[in-house]
Amino acid sequence: MYRKVPTNMNFVEREQGVLQFWTENDVFRRSMDSRKEGETYTFYDGPPTANGKPH
């Protein structure tokens, strides 16, 4: 049903492939352009760090 997951993953290589895909397909700009007429919203990173101070 599912493909076997490789156990010898090269994470650096995988990340470089993702970055290359995003760059070649201009993913960030296209995602921003697709929402430029949308409603503005705020995202708060939660919860504070262990010392209790927001970061």
N, C-alpha and C. Protein backbone atom coordinates (compact mmCIF):
# COMPACT_ATOMS: atom_id res chain seq x y z
N MET A 1 0.82 -1.19 0.00
CA MET A 1 0.00 0.00 0.00
C MET A 1 0.87 1.26 0.00
N TYR A 2 1.89 1.31 0.84
CA TYR A 2 2.77 2.46 0.92
C TYR A 2 4.18 2.06 0.50
N ARG A 3 4.90 3.04 -0.02
CA ARG A 3 6.30 2.77 -0.36
C ARG A 3 7.11 2.67 0.92
N LYS A 4 8.11 1.83 0.91
CA LYS A 4 8.98 1.66 2.06
C LYS A 4 9.77 2.96 2.27
N VAL A 5 9.85 3.39 3.51
CA VAL A 5 10.58 4.61 3.86
C VAL A 5 12.05 4.27 4.00
N PRO A 6 12.93 5.02 3.30
CA PRO A 6 14.36 4.73 3.41
C PRO A 6 14.87 5.05 4.81
N THR A 7 15.79 4.24 5.28
CA THR A 7 16.35 4.47 6.62
C THR A 7 17.70 5.16 6.56
N ASN A 8 18.20 5.39 5.38
CA ASN A 8 19.50 6.05 5.23
C ASN A 8 19.33 7.44 4.60
N MET A 9 18.39 8.21 5.10
CA MET A 9 18.05 9.51 4.54
C MET A 9 19.21 10.50 4.69
N ASN A 10 19.54 11.18 3.60
CA ASN A 10 20.54 12.24 3.62
C ASN A 10 19.77 13.56 3.75
N PHE A 11 19.66 14.07 4.97
CA PHE A 11 18.83 15.24 5.22
C PHE A 11 19.36 16.50 4.56
N VAL A 12 20.67 16.64 4.47
CA VAL A 12 21.25 17.81 3.80
C VAL A 12 20.86 17.79 2.32
N GLU A 13 21.01 16.65 1.69
CA GLU A 13 20.64 16.51 0.28
C GLU A 13 19.16 16.77 0.07
N ARG A 14 18.33 16.24 0.95
CA ARG A 14 16.88 16.44 0.84
C ARG A 14 16.53 17.93 0.97
N GLU A 15 17.13 18.60 1.94
CA GLU A 15 16.87 20.03 2.14
C GLU A 15 17.32 20.84 0.93
N GLN A 16 18.45 20.50 0.35
CA GLN A 16 18.93 21.20 -0.85
C GLN A 16 17.97 21.00 -2.01
N GLY A 17 17.40 19.81 -2.11
CA GLY A 17 16.41 19.54 -3.16
C GLY A 17 15.14 20.36 -2.98
N VAL A 18 14.70 20.48 -1.74
CA VAL A 18 13.51 21.29 -1.46
C VAL A 18 13.79 22.75 -1.78
N LEU A 19 14.94 23.26 -1.35
CA LEU A 19 15.30 24.65 -1.64
C LEU A 19 15.39 24.89 -3.14
N GLN A 20 15.96 23.96 -3.87
CA GLN A 20 16.05 24.09 -5.32
C GLN A 20 14.66 24.14 -5.94
N PHE A 21 13.76 23.28 -5.49
CA PHE A 21 12.39 23.28 -6.00
C PHE A 21 11.71 24.62 -5.74
N TRP A 22 11.84 25.13 -4.50
CA TRP A 22 11.22 26.41 -4.15
C TRP A 22 11.79 27.54 -5.01
N THR A 23 13.10 27.52 -5.23
CA THR A 23 13.75 28.57 -6.02
C THR A 23 13.32 28.49 -7.48
N GLU A 24 13.40 27.31 -8.07
CA GLU A 24 13.06 27.15 -9.48
C GLU A 24 11.60 27.47 -9.77
N ASN A 25 10.72 27.22 -8.81
CA ASN A 25 9.29 27.44 -9.01
C ASN A 25 8.79 28.73 -8.39
N ASP A 26 9.71 29.53 -7.83
CA ASP A 26 9.37 30.83 -7.23
C ASP A 26 8.20 30.70 -6.26
N VAL A 27 8.26 29.68 -5.43
CA VAL A 27 7.15 29.31 -4.56
C VAL A 27 6.78 30.42 -3.58
N PHE A 28 7.77 31.04 -2.94
CA PHE A 28 7.44 32.07 -1.94
C PHE A 28 6.71 33.24 -2.58
N ARG A 29 7.24 33.78 -3.67
CA ARG A 29 6.59 34.92 -4.32
C ARG A 29 5.18 34.55 -4.79
N ARG A 30 5.05 33.37 -5.37
CA ARG A 30 3.74 32.95 -5.86
C ARG A 30 2.75 32.78 -4.72
N SER A 31 3.22 32.29 -3.57
CA SER A 31 2.31 32.13 -2.43
C SER A 31 1.87 33.50 -1.90
N MET A 32 2.79 34.47 -1.91
CA MET A 32 2.44 35.82 -1.47
C MET A 32 1.48 36.48 -2.47
N ASP A 33 1.77 36.35 -3.75
CA ASP A 33 0.91 36.94 -4.77
C ASP A 33 -0.50 36.37 -4.73
N SER A 34 -0.63 35.11 -4.41
CA SER A 34 -1.95 34.48 -4.41
C SER A 34 -2.82 34.98 -3.26
N ARG A 35 -2.21 35.66 -2.29
CA ARG A 35 -2.97 36.14 -1.13
C ARG A 35 -2.93 37.67 -0.98
N LYS A 36 -2.38 38.40 -1.95
CA LYS A 36 -2.17 39.83 -1.76
C LYS A 36 -3.47 40.61 -1.57
N GLU A 37 -4.57 40.12 -2.05
CA GLU A 37 -5.86 40.78 -1.85
C GLU A 37 -6.59 40.25 -0.63
N GLY A 38 -5.98 39.30 0.06
CA GLY A 38 -6.63 38.67 1.20
C GLY A 38 -6.59 39.52 2.46
N GLU A 39 -7.32 39.08 3.44
CA GLU A 39 -7.38 39.75 4.73
C GLU A 39 -6.06 39.60 5.48
N THR A 40 -5.63 40.67 6.15
CA THR A 40 -4.41 40.63 6.95
C THR A 40 -4.69 39.90 8.26
N TYR A 41 -3.76 39.10 8.69
CA TYR A 41 -3.91 38.42 9.96
C TYR A 41 -2.57 38.38 10.67
N THR A 42 -2.61 38.13 11.97
CA THR A 42 -1.40 38.05 12.79
C THR A 42 -1.27 36.65 13.34
N PHE A 43 -0.06 36.13 13.28
CA PHE A 43 0.23 34.81 13.84
C PHE A 43 1.19 34.99 14.99
N TYR A 44 0.77 34.57 16.18
CA TYR A 44 1.63 34.66 17.34
C TYR A 44 2.32 33.32 17.57
N ASP A 45 3.63 33.36 17.64
CA ASP A 45 4.41 32.16 17.91
C ASP A 45 4.20 31.81 19.38
N GLY A 46 3.79 30.63 19.66
CA GLY A 46 3.51 30.35 21.05
C GLY A 46 4.41 29.28 21.58
N PRO A 47 4.23 28.82 22.69
CA PRO A 47 4.30 29.49 23.99
C PRO A 47 5.70 30.04 24.24
N PRO A 48 5.88 30.85 25.29
CA PRO A 48 7.22 31.39 25.59
C PRO A 48 8.22 30.27 25.87
N THR A 49 9.48 30.63 25.84
CA THR A 49 10.52 29.66 26.14
C THR A 49 10.47 29.23 27.60
N ALA A 50 11.28 28.28 27.96
CA ALA A 50 11.25 27.73 29.32
C ALA A 50 11.52 28.78 30.39
N ASN A 51 12.25 29.84 30.05
CA ASN A 51 12.52 30.87 31.06
C ASN A 51 11.37 31.86 31.18
N GLY A 52 10.31 31.67 30.40
CA GLY A 52 9.11 32.49 30.53
C GLY A 52 9.12 33.76 29.72
N LYS A 53 10.21 34.08 29.06
CA LYS A 53 10.28 35.32 28.29
C LYS A 53 9.93 35.03 26.83
N PRO A 54 9.09 35.90 26.24
CA PRO A 54 8.79 35.71 24.82
C PRO A 54 10.06 35.82 23.99
N HIS A 55 10.08 35.16 22.86
CA HIS A 55 11.24 35.22 21.98
C HIS A 55 10.86 35.76 20.62
